[in-house]
Amino acid sequence: MLAGFLLALREGVEAALVVGIVLGILKKTNRLDRAPRVWLGVGLAAAVSLIAAIVLNVIGAEFEGPGEMAFEGITMLLAAGVLTWMIFWMQKQGRQIQIGLEADFKSALSRGQDWALFSVAFFAVVREGIELALFLTAVNFSEPAAGLEAPILGWLGGLLGLIAAAIIGWLMFDTTVKLNLRRFFQLTSIILIVFAAGLVGHAIHEFNELGWMPVVIEHLYGLNRTIRESTVFGHFIKALFGYPASPSLAESFVYLGFYVAVFVLMR
C-alpha cells in the first residue's frame, strides 16, 4: 500500500505541475476561457490511464502457473526499467519542462489552435497515468499478501497518493504555500530507486522459479530468524524494498548489480 501511495504521489505531483503551469499561462494571458479544453485533455488522459490499468490487470488474471510467473516477472522488470528511466529523465530534463510547455502553449494560443491546447495537456498527463498504471500493476504482483487483499491495498494506496498529489497541487497554485520541489523529487527519487531494485529482485525470483535464469545457489543466506517475511514488518519491507529473507545467488547478484549500475549512471 505504501509503495502504491509513493508512486502515485510522485506521478500525481508531476501531472499537477504540468496542469498548474498550463493554467498559470492561461491566467497570465487572460485566456482562462480556454481552460475547459485543458481540463478535457486532462480528463481524457485520466480515462485512458484507467483503461490501461484495467487491461494490464485483466491480462495478468488470465495467466496461470508458468504463464502467470512469466507475465509478472516481465511486468515487474519493465516497470523497474521505466521507473529508473523516469527518474533519470526528470533529473536531466526537469528544468526544461516549464520552458517547453510555455513555448508550446503560447504558440497554440497565438494561432488560436484549441486542439493544440487539448493535445499538450492530454499527452503530458497520459504519460504519467500510463506509467502509474504499469507501476501499480507491478506493485500488486510484488505485494506478498494473499488473495484479493494485495490488489485492493495497492490500488487504495494509489488512490490516496493521487488525492494527496491533488491537494499538494492546489496548495502550490491557489495558495501562498510553497513546496521545495527539488528536495521533494530528490527524496522520492531515492525511495523509488530502492523500490525499483526490489522489483528487479522480484522479477529475478520469478525467472529462477521458471528456470529462465540459473539459481547457482538456491539460498545464499537466511534471515528468517531475524526478520520473517510472514510478519507485518516483513511484508512491509518486502513489498517496498524487495527484502528477501532467503534469496538465491542470482537474485542477490542482480539486485546489487542494479544499485551499482544506478550509481555509475548518476556519476
Protein backbone atom coordinates (compact mmCIF):
# COMPACT_ATOMS: atom_id res chain seq x y z
CA MET A 1 0.00 0.00 0.00
CA LEU A 2 2.81 2.42 0.90
CA ALA A 3 4.64 1.68 -2.35
CA GLY A 4 1.48 2.43 -4.34
CA PHE A 5 0.98 5.64 -2.36
CA LEU A 6 4.51 6.90 -3.02
CA LEU A 7 4.37 6.05 -6.71
CA ALA A 8 1.00 7.75 -7.17
CA LEU A 9 2.15 10.77 -5.16
CA ARG A 10 5.24 11.22 -7.33
CA GLU A 11 3.41 10.76 -10.63
CA GLY A 12 0.46 12.83 -9.42
CA VAL A 13 2.65 15.77 -8.40
CA GLU A 14 4.35 15.70 -11.81
CA ALA A 15 0.95 15.78 -13.53
CA ALA A 16 -0.24 18.54 -11.16
CA LEU A 17 2.81 20.62 -12.07
CA VAL A 18 2.00 20.31 -15.77
CA VAL A 19 -1.64 21.30 -15.27
CA GLY A 20 -0.64 24.15 -12.95
CA ILE A 21 1.89 25.52 -15.45
CA VAL A 22 -0.69 25.39 -18.24
CA LEU A 23 -3.43 27.08 -16.20
CA GLY A 24 -0.91 29.66 -14.98
CA ILE A 25 -0.09 30.58 -18.59
CA LEU A 26 -3.79 30.97 -19.41
CA LYS A 27 -4.28 33.14 -16.34
CA LYS A 28 -1.32 35.40 -17.16
CA THR A 29 -2.59 35.90 -20.71
CA ASN A 30 -6.22 36.42 -19.61
CA ARG A 31 -7.33 33.39 -21.61
CA LEU A 32 -8.97 31.33 -18.87
CA ASP A 33 -11.92 30.87 -21.25
CA ARG A 34 -9.74 28.20 -22.89
CA ALA A 35 -9.33 26.26 -19.63
CA PRO A 36 -12.17 23.78 -20.47
CA ARG A 37 -10.05 22.46 -23.37
CA VAL A 38 -7.21 21.82 -20.95
CA TRP A 39 -9.45 20.04 -18.43
CA LEU A 40 -10.93 17.97 -21.27
CA GLY A 41 -7.43 16.79 -22.15
CA VAL A 42 -6.68 16.01 -18.50
CA GLY A 43 -9.96 14.10 -18.06
CA LEU A 44 -9.48 12.03 -21.21
CA ALA A 45 -5.89 11.25 -20.21
CA ALA A 46 -7.13 10.03 -16.82
CA ALA A 47 -9.72 7.81 -18.54
CA VAL A 48 -7.12 6.31 -20.89
CA SER A 49 -4.81 5.64 -17.94
CA LEU A 50 -7.60 3.91 -16.01
CA ILE A 51 -8.39 1.71 -19.02
CA ALA A 52 -4.70 0.82 -19.34
CA ALA A 53 -4.59 -0.20 -15.66
CA ILE A 54 -7.71 -2.38 -16.06
CA VAL A 55 -6.34 -4.03 -19.20
CA LEU A 56 -3.00 -4.83 -17.54
CA ASN A 57 -4.71 -6.43 -14.55
CA VAL A 58 -7.19 -8.37 -16.71
CA ILE A 59 -4.36 -9.73 -18.84
CA GLY A 60 -2.45 -10.74 -15.73
CA ALA A 61 -5.50 -12.52 -14.30
CA GLU A 62 -5.80 -14.64 -17.46
CA PHE A 63 -2.47 -16.37 -16.89
CA GLU A 64 -1.92 -19.34 -14.60
CA GLY A 65 1.11 -21.33 -13.50
CA PRO A 66 4.29 -20.65 -15.52
CA GLY A 67 2.48 -18.14 -17.72
CA GLU A 68 1.48 -16.12 -14.68
CA MET A 69 5.02 -16.12 -13.29
CA ALA A 70 6.44 -15.08 -16.67
CA PHE A 71 3.94 -12.24 -17.06
CA GLU A 72 4.55 -11.00 -13.52
CA GLY A 73 8.33 -11.20 -13.88
CA ILE A 74 8.38 -9.35 -17.21
CA THR A 75 5.93 -6.72 -15.94
CA MET A 76 8.00 -6.05 -12.81
CA LEU A 77 11.23 -5.86 -14.82
CA LEU A 78 9.61 -3.48 -17.33
CA ALA A 79 8.20 -1.34 -14.52
CA ALA A 80 11.62 -1.14 -12.85
CA GLY A 81 13.21 -0.08 -16.14
CA VAL A 82 10.60 2.60 -16.86
CA LEU A 83 10.74 3.84 -13.26
CA THR A 84 14.53 4.18 -13.36
CA TRP A 85 14.45 5.88 -16.75
CA MET A 86 11.78 8.30 -15.49
CA ILE A 87 13.92 9.33 -12.53
CA PHE A 88 16.99 9.98 -14.69
CA TRP A 89 14.90 11.80 -17.31
CA MET A 90 13.39 14.11 -14.68
CA GLN A 91 16.84 14.76 -13.24
CA LYS A 92 18.18 15.80 -16.65
CA GLN A 93 15.18 17.44 -18.33
CA GLY A 94 13.04 18.62 -15.40
CA ARG A 95 14.28 22.21 -15.60
CA GLN A 96 13.26 22.47 -19.26
CA ILE A 97 9.69 21.18 -18.83
CA GLN A 98 8.19 24.55 -17.91
CA ILE A 99 10.06 26.36 -20.71
CA GLY A 100 8.87 23.81 -23.28
CA LEU A 101 5.26 23.88 -22.09
CA GLU A 102 5.16 27.66 -22.07
CA ALA A 103 6.51 27.80 -25.61
CA ASP A 104 4.00 25.21 -26.88
CA PHE A 105 1.05 26.87 -25.20
CA LYS A 106 1.94 30.42 -26.24
CA SER A 107 2.32 29.22 -29.82
CA ALA A 108 -1.05 27.43 -29.67
CA LEU A 109 -2.75 30.48 -28.14
CA SER A 110 -1.33 32.87 -30.71
CA ARG A 111 -2.63 30.68 -33.53
CA GLY A 112 -6.00 30.03 -31.88
CA GLN A 113 -5.41 26.26 -32.00
CA ASP A 114 -7.78 24.80 -29.42
CA TRP A 115 -6.79 21.27 -30.47
CA ALA A 116 -3.17 22.05 -29.61
CA LEU A 117 -4.22 23.22 -26.13
CA PHE A 118 -6.07 19.95 -25.64
CA SER A 119 -3.28 17.75 -27.02
CA VAL A 120 -0.47 19.30 -24.97
CA ALA A 121 -2.44 18.75 -21.73
CA PHE A 122 -3.53 15.27 -22.80
CA PHE A 123 -0.11 13.91 -23.77
CA ALA A 124 1.60 15.49 -20.76
CA VAL A 125 -0.80 13.82 -18.33
CA VAL A 126 -1.40 10.50 -20.11
CA ARG A 127 2.32 9.66 -19.93
CA GLU A 128 2.22 9.96 -16.15
CA GLY A 129 -1.03 8.00 -15.97
CA ILE A 130 0.10 5.04 -18.06
CA GLU A 131 3.39 4.88 -16.15
CA LEU A 132 1.42 4.81 -12.90
CA ALA A 133 -0.85 2.06 -14.23
CA LEU A 134 2.21 -0.06 -15.00
CA PHE A 135 3.81 0.68 -11.64
CA LEU A 136 0.69 -0.15 -9.62
CA THR A 137 0.25 -3.41 -11.54
CA ALA A 138 3.84 -4.33 -10.65
CA VAL A 139 3.18 -3.34 -7.02
CA ASN A 140 0.24 -5.74 -6.88
CA PHE A 141 2.41 -8.56 -8.22
CA SER A 142 5.21 -7.88 -5.75
CA GLU A 143 2.93 -7.48 -2.72
CA PRO A 144 3.20 -10.69 -0.64
CA ALA A 145 -0.36 -10.52 0.75
CA ALA A 146 -2.63 -13.31 -0.39
CA GLY A 147 -5.91 -13.32 -2.31
CA LEU A 148 -7.65 -10.08 -3.22
CA GLU A 149 -6.05 -8.20 -0.33
CA ALA A 150 -2.90 -7.25 -2.24
CA PRO A 151 -4.58 -5.66 -5.32
CA ILE A 152 -7.09 -3.80 -3.14
CA LEU A 153 -4.34 -2.38 -0.92
CA GLY A 154 -2.20 -1.48 -3.93
CA TRP A 155 -4.99 0.43 -5.68
CA LEU A 156 -6.08 2.04 -2.41
CA GLY A 157 -2.56 3.30 -1.84
CA GLY A 158 -2.51 4.65 -5.40
CA LEU A 159 -5.84 6.43 -4.90
CA LEU A 160 -4.66 8.02 -1.65
CA GLY A 161 -1.43 9.10 -3.36
CA LEU A 162 -3.36 10.81 -6.17
CA ILE A 163 -5.61 12.58 -3.65
CA ALA A 164 -2.52 13.80 -1.77
CA ALA A 165 -0.95 14.95 -5.07
CA ALA A 166 -4.12 16.88 -5.97
CA ILE A 167 -4.06 18.61 -2.58
CA ILE A 168 -0.37 19.49 -3.00
CA GLY A 169 -1.08 20.84 -6.49
CA TRP A 170 -3.92 23.00 -5.17
CA LEU A 171 -1.79 24.31 -2.30
CA MET A 172 1.04 25.24 -4.65
CA PHE A 173 -1.01 27.11 -7.23
CA ASP A 174 -4.02 28.51 -5.36
CA THR A 175 -2.44 29.46 -2.03
CA THR A 176 0.77 31.00 -0.72
CA VAL A 177 2.08 27.61 0.41
CA LYS A 178 5.39 26.72 -1.28
CA LEU A 179 6.91 23.28 -1.68
CA ASN A 180 10.59 22.73 -2.28
CA LEU A 181 10.08 20.63 -5.40
CA ARG A 182 13.79 19.98 -5.86
CA ARG A 183 14.02 18.38 -2.41
CA PHE A 184 10.74 16.56 -2.95
CA PHE A 185 11.91 14.93 -6.18
CA GLN A 186 15.32 14.15 -4.73
CA LEU A 187 13.80 12.33 -1.75
CA THR A 188 11.19 10.45 -3.76
CA SER A 189 13.80 9.52 -6.37
CA ILE A 190 15.94 7.80 -3.73
CA ILE A 191 12.93 5.89 -2.37
CA LEU A 192 11.75 4.89 -5.85
CA ILE A 193 15.23 3.69 -6.87
CA VAL A 194 15.17 1.35 -3.87
CA PHE A 195 11.67 0.23 -4.85
CA ALA A 196 12.81 -0.37 -8.45
CA ALA A 197 15.64 -2.54 -7.15
CA GLY A 198 13.04 -4.55 -5.24
CA LEU A 199 11.03 -5.05 -8.44
CA VAL A 200 14.17 -6.30 -10.19
CA GLY A 201 14.77 -8.74 -7.34
CA HIS A 202 11.15 -10.00 -7.51
CA ALA A 203 11.46 -10.45 -11.28
CA ILE A 204 14.67 -12.49 -10.97
CA HIS A 205 12.98 -14.66 -8.34
CA GLU A 206 10.17 -15.42 -10.83
CA PHE A 207 12.72 -16.19 -13.55
CA ASN A 208 14.54 -18.54 -11.15
CA GLU A 209 11.27 -20.36 -10.50
CA LEU A 210 10.66 -20.68 -14.24
CA GLY A 211 14.19 -21.92 -14.91
CA TRP A 212 14.90 -18.99 -17.22
CA MET A 213 17.87 -17.95 -15.08
CA PRO A 214 20.17 -20.28 -13.17
CA VAL A 215 19.81 -20.10 -9.39
CA VAL A 216 23.52 -21.00 -8.84
CA ILE A 217 23.00 -21.16 -5.06
CA GLU A 218 19.38 -21.60 -4.01
CA HIS A 219 19.66 -19.99 -0.56
CA LEU A 220 22.64 -17.68 -0.34
CA TYR A 221 21.77 -16.70 3.22
CA GLY A 222 18.81 -16.95 5.57
CA LEU A 223 17.36 -14.15 7.69
CA ASN A 224 14.03 -15.73 8.62
CA ARG A 225 15.10 -15.92 12.24
CA THR A 226 15.87 -12.20 12.22
CA ILE A 227 13.01 -10.78 10.13
CA ARG A 228 10.39 -13.22 8.91
CA GLU A 229 8.67 -12.36 5.65
CA SER A 230 5.38 -13.57 7.16
CA THR A 231 5.36 -10.78 9.79
CA VAL A 232 3.75 -7.37 9.22
CA PHE A 233 7.16 -5.69 9.15
CA GLY A 234 8.49 -8.38 6.82
CA HIS A 235 5.57 -7.82 4.44
CA PHE A 236 6.21 -4.08 4.55
CA ILE A 237 9.92 -4.15 3.67
CA LYS A 238 9.43 -6.94 1.12
CA ALA A 239 6.71 -5.01 -0.74
CA LEU A 240 8.52 -1.66 -0.62
CA PHE A 241 12.19 -2.65 -0.85
CA GLY A 242 12.06 -6.21 -2.18
CA TYR A 243 13.54 -7.62 1.04
CA PRO A 244 14.34 -11.33 0.52
CA ALA A 245 14.79 -13.38 3.70
CA SER A 246 16.43 -16.20 1.77
CA PRO A 247 17.46 -15.13 -1.76
CA SER A 248 19.33 -17.08 -4.40
CA LEU A 249 22.79 -16.06 -5.52
CA ALA A 250 21.41 -14.90 -8.89
CA GLU A 251 18.76 -12.78 -7.19
CA SER A 252 21.29 -11.13 -4.86
CA PHE A 253 23.81 -10.58 -7.66
CA VAL A 254 21.31 -8.81 -9.95
CA TYR A 255 19.80 -6.86 -7.03
CA LEU A 256 23.19 -5.45 -6.02
CA GLY A 257 24.20 -5.03 -9.66
CA PHE A 258 21.22 -2.76 -10.18
CA TYR A 259 22.46 -0.41 -7.45
CA VAL A 260 25.96 -0.39 -8.95
CA ALA A 261 24.56 0.46 -12.40
CA VAL A 262 22.43 3.29 -10.98
CA PHE A 263 25.39 4.69 -9.04
CA VAL A 264 27.59 4.65 -12.14
CA LEU A 265 24.90 6.38 -14.23
CA MET A 266 24.35 9.03 -11.57
CA ARG A 267 28.05 9.78 -11.51
